[in-house]
N, C-alpha and C. Protein backbone atom coordinates (compact mmCIF):
# COMPACT_ATOMS: atom_id res chain seq x y z
N MET A 1 -16.34 -15.22 -29.18
CA MET A 1 -17.34 -15.69 -28.76
C MET A 1 -17.61 -16.95 -30.00
N ALA A 2 -17.99 -17.79 -29.77
CA ALA A 2 -18.49 -18.87 -30.52
C ALA A 2 -19.60 -18.56 -31.58
N LEU A 3 -19.46 -19.04 -32.90
CA LEU A 3 -20.73 -18.51 -33.37
C LEU A 3 -21.75 -19.99 -33.54
N THR A 4 -23.00 -19.47 -32.83
CA THR A 4 -24.19 -20.22 -32.78
C THR A 4 -24.88 -20.58 -34.17
N ILE A 5 -25.67 -21.69 -34.16
CA ILE A 5 -26.51 -22.26 -35.06
C ILE A 5 -27.62 -20.75 -35.07
N GLU A 6 -27.97 -20.45 -33.40
CA GLU A 6 -29.37 -19.35 -33.62
C GLU A 6 -28.42 -18.13 -34.24
N THR A 7 -27.32 -17.53 -33.75
CA THR A 7 -26.71 -16.74 -34.72
C THR A 7 -26.68 -16.86 -36.22
N LEU A 8 -26.18 -17.68 -36.82
CA LEU A 8 -26.09 -17.82 -37.82
C LEU A 8 -27.47 -17.83 -38.66
N MET A 9 -28.29 -18.74 -38.25
CA MET A 9 -29.74 -18.65 -38.68
C MET A 9 -30.30 -16.87 -38.56
N SER A 10 -30.02 -16.38 -37.66
CA SER A 10 -30.54 -14.93 -37.87
C SER A 10 -30.17 -14.13 -38.48
N LYS A 11 -28.89 -14.49 -39.03
CA LYS A 11 -27.71 -13.28 -39.66
C LYS A 11 -28.18 -14.08 -41.45
N MET A 12 -28.87 -15.13 -41.71
CA MET A 12 -28.86 -15.45 -43.30
C MET A 12 -29.68 -13.85 -44.07
N PRO A 13 -31.15 -13.58 -43.27
CA PRO A 13 -31.79 -12.77 -44.22
C PRO A 13 -30.68 -11.43 -44.56
N GLY A 14 -29.85 -11.45 -43.85
CA GLY A 14 -29.08 -10.08 -44.18
C GLY A 14 -27.72 -10.25 -45.03
N ALA A 15 -27.22 -12.06 -45.10
CA ALA A 15 -25.97 -12.38 -45.98
C ALA A 15 -26.85 -12.67 -47.10
N PHE A 16 -28.35 -12.60 -47.26
CA PHE A 16 -28.43 -12.83 -48.66
C PHE A 16 -28.17 -12.22 -49.86
N LEU A 17 -28.09 -12.37 -50.93
CA LEU A 17 -27.79 -11.83 -52.30
C LEU A 17 -28.94 -12.04 -52.81
N PRO A 18 -29.64 -11.78 -53.32
CA PRO A 18 -31.18 -11.40 -54.04
C PRO A 18 -30.81 -11.74 -55.78
N GLU A 19 -29.73 -10.73 -56.14
CA GLU A 19 -29.23 -10.99 -57.26
C GLU A 19 -28.50 -12.40 -57.98
N LYS A 20 -28.42 -13.39 -57.00
CA LYS A 20 -28.07 -14.30 -56.95
C LYS A 20 -29.16 -15.37 -57.10
N ALA A 21 -30.24 -15.15 -56.57
CA ALA A 21 -31.36 -16.13 -57.12
C ALA A 21 -32.75 -15.62 -57.57
N PRO A 22 -32.56 -14.95 -58.86
CA PRO A 22 -33.74 -14.10 -59.42
C PRO A 22 -34.47 -15.43 -59.57
N GLY A 23 -35.71 -14.62 -59.05
CA GLY A 23 -37.14 -15.19 -59.49
C GLY A 23 -37.39 -16.55 -58.35
N LEU A 24 -36.58 -17.00 -57.65
CA LEU A 24 -36.43 -18.36 -56.76
C LEU A 24 -37.44 -18.07 -55.37
N ASN A 25 -38.09 -18.91 -55.83
CA ASN A 25 -39.24 -18.99 -54.82
C ASN A 25 -39.32 -20.67 -53.93
N ALA A 26 -38.60 -20.80 -52.96
CA ALA A 26 -38.27 -22.28 -52.32
C ALA A 26 -38.09 -22.44 -51.03
N VAL A 27 -38.40 -23.22 -50.25
CA VAL A 27 -38.16 -23.65 -48.85
C VAL A 27 -37.22 -24.42 -48.57
N ILE A 28 -36.05 -23.95 -47.80
CA ILE A 28 -35.25 -24.80 -47.37
C ILE A 28 -35.20 -25.21 -46.05
N GLN A 29 -35.31 -26.53 -45.42
CA GLN A 29 -35.33 -27.04 -44.28
C GLN A 29 -34.17 -27.26 -44.05
N PHE A 30 -33.47 -27.06 -42.65
CA PHE A 30 -32.44 -27.02 -41.88
C PHE A 30 -32.42 -27.79 -40.86
N LYS A 31 -32.15 -29.18 -40.73
CA LYS A 31 -32.16 -30.17 -39.42
C LYS A 31 -31.18 -30.27 -38.70
N PHE A 32 -30.79 -29.67 -37.64
CA PHE A 32 -29.34 -29.80 -37.28
C PHE A 32 -29.30 -30.75 -36.02
N THR A 33 -28.13 -31.94 -35.70
CA THR A 33 -28.03 -32.35 -34.92
C THR A 33 -26.87 -31.93 -34.05
N GLY A 34 -26.35 -32.91 -32.98
CA GLY A 34 -25.34 -32.51 -32.21
C GLY A 34 -26.12 -31.62 -31.16
N GLU A 35 -24.92 -30.44 -30.57
CA GLU A 35 -24.67 -29.93 -29.67
C GLU A 35 -26.19 -28.64 -29.68
N GLU A 36 -26.38 -28.40 -30.69
CA GLU A 36 -27.45 -27.38 -31.11
C GLU A 36 -28.70 -27.98 -31.87
N ALA A 37 -29.00 -29.03 -31.57
CA ALA A 37 -30.19 -29.43 -32.17
C ALA A 37 -31.15 -28.96 -32.56
N GLY A 38 -32.27 -29.03 -33.66
CA GLY A 38 -33.12 -28.42 -33.99
C GLY A 38 -33.55 -28.19 -35.16
N ASP A 39 -34.99 -27.65 -35.90
CA ASP A 39 -35.06 -27.59 -36.92
C ASP A 39 -35.28 -25.91 -37.46
N TRP A 40 -34.68 -25.61 -38.43
CA TRP A 40 -35.13 -24.43 -38.73
C TRP A 40 -35.66 -24.59 -40.44
N TYR A 41 -36.50 -23.26 -40.82
CA TYR A 41 -36.36 -23.33 -42.27
C TYR A 41 -36.17 -21.72 -42.92
N ALA A 42 -35.81 -21.53 -44.24
CA ALA A 42 -35.56 -20.63 -44.62
C ALA A 42 -36.12 -20.24 -45.96
N ASP A 43 -37.24 -19.26 -45.76
CA ASP A 43 -38.27 -19.39 -47.11
C ASP A 43 -38.00 -18.21 -48.04
N ILE A 44 -37.57 -18.58 -49.22
CA ILE A 44 -36.98 -17.58 -50.12
C ILE A 44 -37.80 -17.09 -51.30
N LYS A 45 -38.61 -16.06 -51.07
CA LYS A 45 -39.51 -15.68 -52.11
C LYS A 45 -39.27 -13.76 -52.31
N ASP A 46 -39.39 -13.53 -53.54
CA ASP A 46 -39.71 -12.06 -53.69
C ASP A 46 -38.27 -11.21 -53.50
N GLY A 47 -37.25 -11.96 -53.61
CA GLY A 47 -36.19 -11.24 -53.50
C GLY A 47 -35.89 -11.04 -51.77
N LYS A 48 -36.03 -12.13 -50.90
CA LYS A 48 -36.08 -12.11 -49.41
C LYS A 48 -35.95 -13.53 -48.97
N VAL A 49 -35.46 -13.58 -47.56
CA VAL A 49 -35.36 -14.64 -46.93
C VAL A 49 -35.96 -14.12 -45.47
N ASP A 50 -36.94 -15.30 -45.17
CA ASP A 50 -37.68 -15.44 -44.07
C ASP A 50 -37.04 -16.44 -43.23
N VAL A 51 -36.19 -16.65 -42.23
CA VAL A 51 -35.74 -17.42 -41.31
C VAL A 51 -36.68 -18.11 -39.98
N GLN A 52 -37.00 -19.04 -39.87
CA GLN A 52 -38.03 -19.32 -38.84
C GLN A 52 -37.67 -20.57 -38.24
N LYS A 53 -37.86 -20.88 -36.61
CA LYS A 53 -37.24 -21.85 -35.98
C LYS A 53 -38.91 -22.78 -36.19
N GLY A 54 -38.68 -24.17 -36.29
CA GLY A 54 -39.36 -25.17 -36.68
C GLY A 54 -39.33 -25.70 -38.16
N VAL A 55 -40.63 -26.94 -38.47
CA VAL A 55 -40.23 -27.65 -39.37
C VAL A 55 -41.52 -26.96 -40.34
N HIS A 56 -41.23 -26.88 -41.94
CA HIS A 56 -42.13 -26.27 -43.02
C HIS A 56 -42.62 -27.51 -43.30
N ALA A 57 -44.13 -27.50 -43.65
CA ALA A 57 -44.68 -28.58 -44.42
C ALA A 57 -44.29 -29.11 -45.57
N THR A 58 -43.79 -28.11 -46.63
CA THR A 58 -43.24 -28.72 -48.06
C THR A 58 -42.45 -27.75 -48.49
N PRO A 59 -40.97 -28.54 -47.64
CA PRO A 59 -39.93 -27.76 -48.12
C PRO A 59 -39.45 -28.43 -49.51
N LYS A 60 -38.32 -27.43 -50.44
CA LYS A 60 -38.14 -27.95 -51.68
C LYS A 60 -36.64 -28.58 -51.44
N MET A 61 -36.50 -28.36 -50.61
CA MET A 61 -34.84 -29.20 -49.90
C MET A 61 -34.78 -29.37 -48.23
N THR A 62 -34.26 -30.30 -48.04
CA THR A 62 -33.83 -30.47 -46.76
C THR A 62 -32.48 -30.63 -46.65
N LEU A 63 -31.62 -30.16 -45.74
CA LEU A 63 -30.55 -30.17 -45.21
C LEU A 63 -30.13 -30.55 -44.18
N THR A 64 -29.34 -31.76 -43.64
CA THR A 64 -29.30 -32.46 -42.40
C THR A 64 -28.16 -32.26 -42.15
N ALA A 65 -27.37 -31.96 -40.83
CA ALA A 65 -26.45 -31.72 -40.37
C ALA A 65 -25.99 -31.58 -39.25
N ASP A 66 -24.50 -32.36 -38.44
CA ASP A 66 -24.26 -31.78 -37.38
C ASP A 66 -24.29 -30.17 -37.04
N SER A 67 -24.86 -29.72 -35.71
CA SER A 67 -24.54 -28.35 -35.73
C SER A 67 -23.23 -27.60 -36.01
N GLY A 68 -22.36 -27.98 -35.14
CA GLY A 68 -21.11 -27.56 -35.32
C GLY A 68 -20.26 -27.99 -36.77
N ASP A 69 -20.64 -28.88 -37.40
CA ASP A 69 -20.14 -29.46 -39.04
C ASP A 69 -20.64 -28.35 -39.73
N TYR A 70 -22.04 -27.49 -39.59
CA TYR A 70 -22.86 -26.64 -40.35
C TYR A 70 -21.74 -25.42 -40.01
N VAL A 71 -21.72 -25.00 -38.51
CA VAL A 71 -21.26 -24.02 -38.30
C VAL A 71 -20.02 -23.78 -39.50
N ARG A 72 -18.75 -24.70 -38.88
CA ARG A 72 -17.73 -24.58 -39.89
C ARG A 72 -17.69 -24.61 -41.46
N ILE A 73 -18.88 -24.98 -42.04
CA ILE A 73 -18.93 -25.00 -43.28
C ILE A 73 -19.45 -23.62 -43.52
N PHE A 74 -20.12 -23.15 -43.14
CA PHE A 74 -20.55 -21.84 -43.18
C PHE A 74 -19.56 -20.31 -43.46
N THR A 75 -19.04 -20.73 -42.32
CA THR A 75 -17.18 -20.15 -42.16
C THR A 75 -16.31 -20.68 -42.63
N GLY A 76 -16.39 -21.39 -43.84
CA GLY A 76 -15.42 -22.09 -44.73
C GLY A 76 -14.28 -22.95 -44.25
N GLU A 77 -14.46 -23.12 -42.57
CA GLU A 77 -13.54 -24.37 -42.32
C GLU A 77 -13.64 -25.51 -42.69
N LEU A 78 -14.95 -25.78 -43.18
CA LEU A 78 -15.06 -27.22 -43.81
C LEU A 78 -15.68 -27.10 -45.06
N ASP A 79 -15.33 -27.63 -46.10
CA ASP A 79 -15.69 -27.57 -47.56
C ASP A 79 -17.06 -28.14 -47.48
N GLY A 80 -17.97 -27.78 -48.00
CA GLY A 80 -19.55 -28.36 -47.91
C GLY A 80 -19.08 -29.62 -48.93
N MET A 81 -18.94 -29.45 -50.37
CA MET A 81 -18.48 -30.88 -50.96
C MET A 81 -18.16 -31.72 -50.25
N LYS A 82 -17.09 -31.63 -49.60
CA LYS A 82 -16.21 -32.48 -48.75
C LYS A 82 -17.07 -33.21 -47.75
N ALA A 83 -17.75 -32.18 -47.19
CA ALA A 83 -18.76 -33.05 -46.18
C ALA A 83 -19.76 -33.59 -46.51
N PHE A 84 -20.16 -33.11 -47.83
CA PHE A 84 -21.51 -34.07 -48.43
C PHE A 84 -20.55 -35.32 -48.54
N MET A 85 -19.71 -35.28 -49.59
CA MET A 85 -19.14 -36.68 -49.99
C MET A 85 -18.79 -37.13 -48.70
N GLU A 86 -18.41 -37.12 -47.56
CA GLU A 86 -17.90 -37.76 -46.58
C GLU A 86 -19.37 -38.27 -45.76
N GLY A 87 -20.48 -37.81 -45.71
CA GLY A 87 -21.77 -38.06 -45.39
C GLY A 87 -21.88 -37.25 -44.27
N LYS A 88 -21.20 -36.29 -44.06
CA LYS A 88 -21.42 -35.13 -42.63
C LYS A 88 -22.65 -34.28 -42.98
N LEU A 89 -23.04 -34.20 -44.50
CA LEU A 89 -23.96 -32.99 -44.77
C LEU A 89 -24.90 -34.05 -45.74
N LYS A 90 -26.14 -34.14 -45.19
CA LYS A 90 -27.20 -34.77 -46.37
C LYS A 90 -27.78 -33.86 -46.59
N LEU A 91 -28.40 -34.22 -47.62
CA LEU A 91 -29.52 -33.46 -48.80
C LEU A 91 -30.56 -34.34 -49.24
N THR A 92 -31.53 -33.71 -48.89
CA THR A 92 -32.70 -34.48 -50.01
C THR A 92 -33.75 -33.22 -50.62
N GLY A 93 -34.32 -33.93 -51.75
CA GLY A 93 -35.06 -32.81 -52.55
C GLY A 93 -34.36 -32.43 -53.76
N ASP A 94 -34.50 -30.77 -53.85
CA ASP A 94 -33.79 -30.39 -55.29
C ASP A 94 -32.28 -29.87 -54.77
N LEU A 95 -31.54 -31.05 -55.61
CA LEU A 95 -29.86 -30.91 -55.16
C LEU A 95 -29.42 -29.46 -55.95
N ASN A 96 -30.01 -29.00 -56.83
CA ASN A 96 -29.66 -27.61 -57.61
C ASN A 96 -29.99 -26.78 -56.69
N LEU A 97 -30.83 -26.74 -55.68
CA LEU A 97 -30.93 -25.31 -54.43
C LEU A 97 -29.46 -25.60 -53.93
N ALA A 98 -29.16 -26.50 -53.27
CA ALA A 98 -28.01 -26.78 -52.62
C ALA A 98 -26.65 -26.00 -53.08
N MET A 99 -26.63 -26.16 -54.58
CA MET A 99 -25.21 -25.80 -54.96
C MET A 99 -25.43 -24.60 -55.12
N LYS A 100 -26.94 -23.78 -55.19
CA LYS A 100 -26.81 -22.51 -55.38
C LYS A 100 -26.76 -21.81 -53.92
N LEU A 101 -27.19 -22.51 -52.64
CA LEU A 101 -27.38 -21.77 -51.48
C LEU A 101 -26.06 -21.41 -51.09
N THR A 102 -24.63 -22.08 -51.69
CA THR A 102 -23.62 -21.50 -51.22
C THR A 102 -23.22 -19.98 -52.12
N GLN A 103 -24.15 -19.97 -53.21
CA GLN A 103 -23.80 -18.67 -54.06
C GLN A 103 -24.67 -17.64 -53.44
N MET A 104 -25.48 -17.95 -52.82
CA MET A 104 -26.84 -16.79 -52.63
C MET A 104 -26.76 -16.34 -51.15
N PHE A 105 -25.80 -16.53 -50.70
CA PHE A 105 -25.28 -15.81 -49.36
C PHE A 105 -23.75 -15.54 -49.12
N LYS A 106 -23.39 -14.35 -48.55
CA LYS A 106 -22.23 -13.68 -48.75
C LYS A 106 -21.81 -14.21 -47.39
N VAL A 107 -20.70 -14.93 -47.18
CA VAL A 107 -20.19 -15.34 -45.98
C VAL A 107 -19.34 -14.24 -45.19
N ARG A 108 -19.66 -13.98 -43.75
CA ARG A 108 -18.94 -12.98 -42.90
C ARG A 108 -18.82 -11.76 -43.89
């Protein structure tokens, strides 16, 4: 069974590594295009992540990507930095947060 955005986002809280984000209090907005288009956000605070469908009023960073590309980035099939350089992954807001994002979650 192929990994979907819905499954991926629902697994984020369990994949979170709070020791990699001490004192972090931030909301990351995800805007997915393509086959599984939709908006999600991850609210990181107090060593936990709450993931919700929808648009947050004040995200610290927004990540925009094709849903298929994002799944491939998350599973390691597509390098996130390469995707960013090729314009497949767009980031606005706190770009330092984007760098931490890959370290804050254990993949698989």
